[in-house]
């Protein structure tokens, strides 16, 4: 029995590949890698067809190195903590999930019998697009950042592990990049950065009930049992 594809799925795989290559400004030497990056780990035929999991693994690590190298070069006056904050902000799952939504990557993903996943992703897309009201604690479905990391991994492998080429692609794929200036526009990030630098002082002077600071300097609210 032929499996019915979900609504909005781009069945024409040539079109799907062209969309990604047009977005990245990168032409794959081996388009099979891109198709692998756009294949979910659900296969009704029970085959061992390659899915995005291996590429997501290498893409995750490669993007971390790409951004770390980029910020190390561009901010020579930054210490390890500041560089870590910039890298983390640009490689966070929430950031990558919104990248996937912005570029319309989920409809390009080849998947089968994923009704529940489609519903969850659809709700997230509607929420971040502002078409439905969000409760404020919406968690990004992991499949969305996975797609971004898998595509980056495919570029990295296809380019024969060329880090500079991956950096070029990452600047396009993950735009807008969170720079030093943009990072500190976020008061929560600023508070956590200050916490990391001045943890001992804050622990000593902070006497607000049910509030503490963890080893990384993050401010935490502790729920006390009655």
Protein backbone atom coordinates (compact mmCIF):
# COMPACT_ATOMS: atom_id res chain seq x y z
CA UNK A 1 0.00 0.00 0.00
CA UNK A 2 1.43 3.36 -1.01
CA UNK A 3 2.05 5.73 1.87
CA UNK A 4 0.26 9.08 1.77
CA UNK A 5 2.63 12.00 2.13
CA UNK A 6 1.74 14.78 4.61
CA UNK A 7 0.17 18.05 3.39
CA UNK A 8 2.70 20.57 2.14
CA UNK A 9 5.40 17.96 1.53
CA UNK A 10 7.58 18.73 -1.49
CA UNK A 11 7.37 15.42 -3.32
CA UNK A 12 9.59 16.58 -6.18
CA UNK A 13 13.03 15.90 -4.72
CA UNK A 14 14.76 17.84 -7.47
CA UNK A 15 12.76 20.89 -6.43
CA UNK A 16 13.58 20.28 -2.75
CA UNK A 17 17.31 20.09 -3.51
CA UNK A 18 17.18 23.22 -5.67
CA UNK A 19 15.45 25.13 -2.89
CA UNK A 20 18.19 24.27 -0.41
CA UNK A 21 21.02 24.95 -2.85
CA UNK A 22 19.42 28.29 -3.78
CA UNK A 23 19.10 29.21 -0.12
CA UNK A 24 22.69 28.28 0.75
CA UNK A 25 24.33 29.51 -2.44
CA UNK A 26 26.05 26.13 -2.54
CA UNK A 27 25.86 23.46 -5.25
CA UNK A 28 26.34 19.93 -3.94
CA UNK A 29 28.84 17.69 -5.68
CA UNK A 30 26.93 14.72 -4.27
CA UNK A 31 23.24 15.48 -3.99
CA UNK A 32 22.65 12.13 -2.31
CA UNK A 33 24.10 13.70 0.82
CA UNK A 34 21.49 16.45 0.70
CA UNK A 35 18.70 13.91 0.22
CA UNK A 36 20.07 12.01 3.21
CA UNK A 37 19.93 15.23 5.24
CA UNK A 38 16.29 15.67 4.20
CA UNK A 39 15.19 12.14 5.14
CA UNK A 40 13.58 11.46 8.52
CA UNK A 41 14.22 8.19 10.35
CA UNK A 42 10.82 6.76 9.41
CA UNK A 43 10.72 4.36 6.49
CA UNK A 44 7.65 2.17 5.83
CA UNK A 45 9.64 -0.21 3.68
CA UNK A 46 11.81 -1.26 6.60
CA UNK A 47 14.97 -0.63 4.56
CA UNK A 48 18.27 0.63 5.93
CA UNK A 49 18.12 3.73 3.80
CA UNK A 50 20.35 6.54 5.09
CA UNK A 51 18.58 9.16 7.19
CA UNK A 52 19.71 12.48 8.58
CA UNK A 53 20.94 11.14 11.93
CA UNK A 54 24.63 10.73 11.06
CA UNK A 55 24.76 14.06 9.24
CA UNK A 56 22.99 15.75 12.16
CA UNK A 57 25.70 14.37 14.45
CA UNK A 58 28.59 15.77 12.41
CA UNK A 59 26.71 18.98 11.60
CA UNK A 60 26.11 19.72 15.27
CA UNK A 61 29.82 19.50 16.05
CA UNK A 62 30.92 21.26 12.86
CA UNK A 63 28.61 24.24 13.39
CA UNK A 64 29.93 24.61 16.93
CA UNK A 65 33.50 24.71 15.59
CA UNK A 66 32.54 27.02 12.72
CA UNK A 67 31.02 29.61 15.05
CA UNK A 68 33.76 29.19 17.67
CA UNK A 69 36.42 29.88 15.02
CA UNK A 70 34.46 32.81 13.63
CA UNK A 71 34.06 34.55 16.98
CA UNK A 72 37.63 33.73 18.06
CA UNK A 73 38.84 35.56 14.96
CA UNK A 74 36.41 38.49 15.08
CA UNK A 75 36.60 39.22 18.83
CA UNK A 76 40.29 39.00 19.85
CA UNK A 77 39.56 40.85 23.10
CA UNK A 78 36.90 38.38 24.31
CA UNK A 79 37.66 35.84 27.01
CA UNK A 80 36.55 32.19 27.02
CA UNK A 81 33.26 32.95 28.78
CA UNK A 82 32.24 35.64 26.31
CA UNK A 83 33.14 33.47 23.32
CA UNK A 84 31.19 30.57 24.80
CA UNK A 85 28.13 32.79 25.25
CA UNK A 86 28.26 33.87 21.60
CA UNK A 87 28.73 30.33 20.32
CA UNK A 88 25.93 28.99 22.52
CA UNK A 89 23.52 31.72 21.43
CA UNK A 90 24.11 30.89 17.77
CA UNK A 91 23.94 27.11 18.11
CA UNK A 92 21.01 26.81 20.52
CA UNK A 93 18.22 24.40 19.51
CA UNK A 94 15.65 27.20 19.76
CA UNK A 95 17.72 29.34 17.37
CA UNK A 96 18.09 26.52 14.83
CA UNK A 97 14.38 25.65 15.11
CA UNK A 98 13.46 29.22 14.16
CA UNK A 99 15.97 29.07 11.31
CA UNK A 100 14.18 25.96 9.99
CA UNK A 101 10.83 27.76 10.21
CA UNK A 102 12.14 30.91 8.55
CA UNK A 103 13.52 28.99 5.58
CA UNK A 104 10.58 26.59 5.27
CA UNK A 105 12.74 23.49 5.69
CA UNK A 106 10.25 21.11 7.31
CA UNK A 107 8.11 20.64 4.16
CA UNK A 108 11.29 19.49 2.39
CA UNK A 109 11.78 16.63 4.88
CA UNK A 110 10.92 13.17 3.51
CA UNK A 111 8.95 11.43 6.26
CA UNK A 112 6.21 8.81 6.69
CA UNK A 113 3.37 8.32 9.16
CA UNK A 114 4.36 11.36 11.23
CA UNK A 115 0.90 12.78 11.94
CA UNK A 116 1.69 13.63 15.55
CA UNK A 117 5.03 15.18 14.63
CA UNK A 118 3.42 17.20 11.83
CA UNK A 119 0.86 18.52 14.30
CA UNK A 120 3.48 19.52 16.89
CA UNK A 121 5.71 21.16 14.30
CA UNK A 122 2.71 22.91 12.75
CA UNK A 123 1.74 24.37 16.11
CA UNK A 124 5.30 25.60 16.70
CA UNK A 125 5.43 27.19 13.24
CA UNK A 126 2.12 28.95 13.83
CA UNK A 127 3.27 30.16 17.23
CA UNK A 128 6.60 31.63 16.13
CA UNK A 129 4.92 33.11 13.06
CA UNK A 130 2.43 34.88 15.30
CA UNK A 131 -0.66 33.28 13.76
CA UNK A 132 -1.67 31.69 17.09
CA UNK A 133 -1.15 32.82 20.67
CA UNK A 134 1.74 31.14 22.48
CA UNK A 135 1.80 30.47 26.21
CA UNK A 136 5.41 31.64 26.32
CA UNK A 137 6.85 28.25 27.31
CA UNK A 138 6.65 26.64 23.85
CA UNK A 139 9.42 24.09 23.31
CA UNK A 140 10.86 23.71 19.84
CA UNK A 141 10.37 20.23 18.31
CA UNK A 142 13.81 18.61 18.06
CA UNK A 143 13.29 17.66 14.43
CA UNK A 144 13.60 21.31 13.37
CA UNK A 145 17.14 21.98 14.66
CA UNK A 146 18.05 18.47 13.51
CA UNK A 147 17.25 19.44 9.91
CA UNK A 148 19.46 22.53 10.12
CA UNK A 149 22.35 20.56 11.61
CA UNK A 150 21.94 17.75 9.05
CA UNK A 151 22.05 20.19 6.13
CA UNK A 152 25.16 21.81 7.60
CA UNK A 153 26.66 18.34 8.05
CA UNK A 154 25.91 17.49 4.43
CA UNK A 155 27.73 20.64 3.27
CA UNK A 156 30.67 19.88 5.53
CA UNK A 157 31.04 16.31 4.22
CA UNK A 158 30.34 17.29 0.60
CA UNK A 159 33.01 20.01 0.72
CA UNK A 160 35.51 17.45 2.03
CA UNK A 161 35.39 18.91 5.54
CA UNK A 162 36.20 22.47 4.43
CA UNK A 163 35.56 24.56 7.56
CA UNK A 164 35.79 27.88 5.71
CA UNK A 165 33.15 26.76 3.23
CA UNK A 166 30.91 25.64 6.10
CA UNK A 167 31.36 29.05 7.75
CA UNK A 168 30.22 30.76 4.55
CA UNK A 169 27.14 28.57 4.38
CA UNK A 170 26.41 28.89 8.12
CA UNK A 171 26.37 32.69 7.89
CA UNK A 172 23.60 32.39 5.29
CA UNK A 173 21.71 29.42 6.74
CA UNK A 174 21.73 30.64 10.35
CA UNK A 175 21.14 34.34 9.68
CA UNK A 176 20.63 36.60 11.47
CA UNK A 177 23.81 35.86 13.41
CA UNK A 178 23.72 36.89 17.06
CA UNK A 179 26.68 39.25 17.46
CA UNK A 180 28.15 40.68 20.66
CA UNK A 181 25.88 43.72 20.37
CA UNK A 182 22.72 41.68 19.81
CA UNK A 183 23.56 39.19 22.54
CA UNK A 184 23.53 41.83 25.25
CA UNK A 185 20.26 43.31 24.08
CA UNK A 186 18.77 40.25 25.78
CA UNK A 187 18.53 41.01 29.53
CA UNK A 188 18.42 37.32 30.48
CA UNK A 189 21.68 36.63 28.64
CA UNK A 190 23.22 39.70 30.27
CA UNK A 191 22.10 38.56 33.73
CA UNK A 192 23.51 35.07 33.20
CA UNK A 193 26.82 36.46 31.91
CA UNK A 194 27.13 38.71 34.97
CA UNK A 195 26.25 35.74 37.15
CA UNK A 196 29.10 33.69 35.67
CA UNK A 197 31.59 36.49 36.36
CA UNK A 198 30.41 37.46 39.83
CA UNK A 199 28.88 34.28 41.22
CA UNK A 200 30.50 34.41 44.66
CA UNK A 201 29.45 38.01 45.24
CA UNK A 202 25.91 37.32 44.12
CA UNK A 203 25.59 34.23 46.30
CA UNK A 204 26.69 36.30 49.29
CA UNK A 205 24.43 39.33 48.74
CA UNK A 206 21.44 37.74 47.05
CA UNK A 207 18.92 37.00 49.78
CA UNK A 208 15.71 36.77 47.78
CA UNK A 209 13.61 33.78 48.96
CA UNK A 210 13.60 30.73 46.68
CA UNK A 211 16.32 32.14 44.41
CA UNK A 212 19.82 30.72 43.98
CA UNK A 213 22.62 30.72 41.43
CA UNK A 214 24.04 27.58 39.88
CA UNK A 215 27.72 26.84 39.20
CA UNK A 216 27.45 28.44 35.76
CA UNK A 217 26.06 31.66 37.19
CA UNK A 218 22.53 31.14 35.99
CA UNK A 219 19.81 32.55 38.24
CA UNK A 220 17.38 29.80 39.29
CA UNK A 221 14.05 29.87 41.07
CA UNK A 222 13.81 26.96 43.48
CA UNK A 223 10.34 25.59 44.18
CA UNK A 224 9.95 24.68 47.83
CA UNK A 225 7.63 21.91 48.93
CA UNK A 226 4.92 22.86 51.40
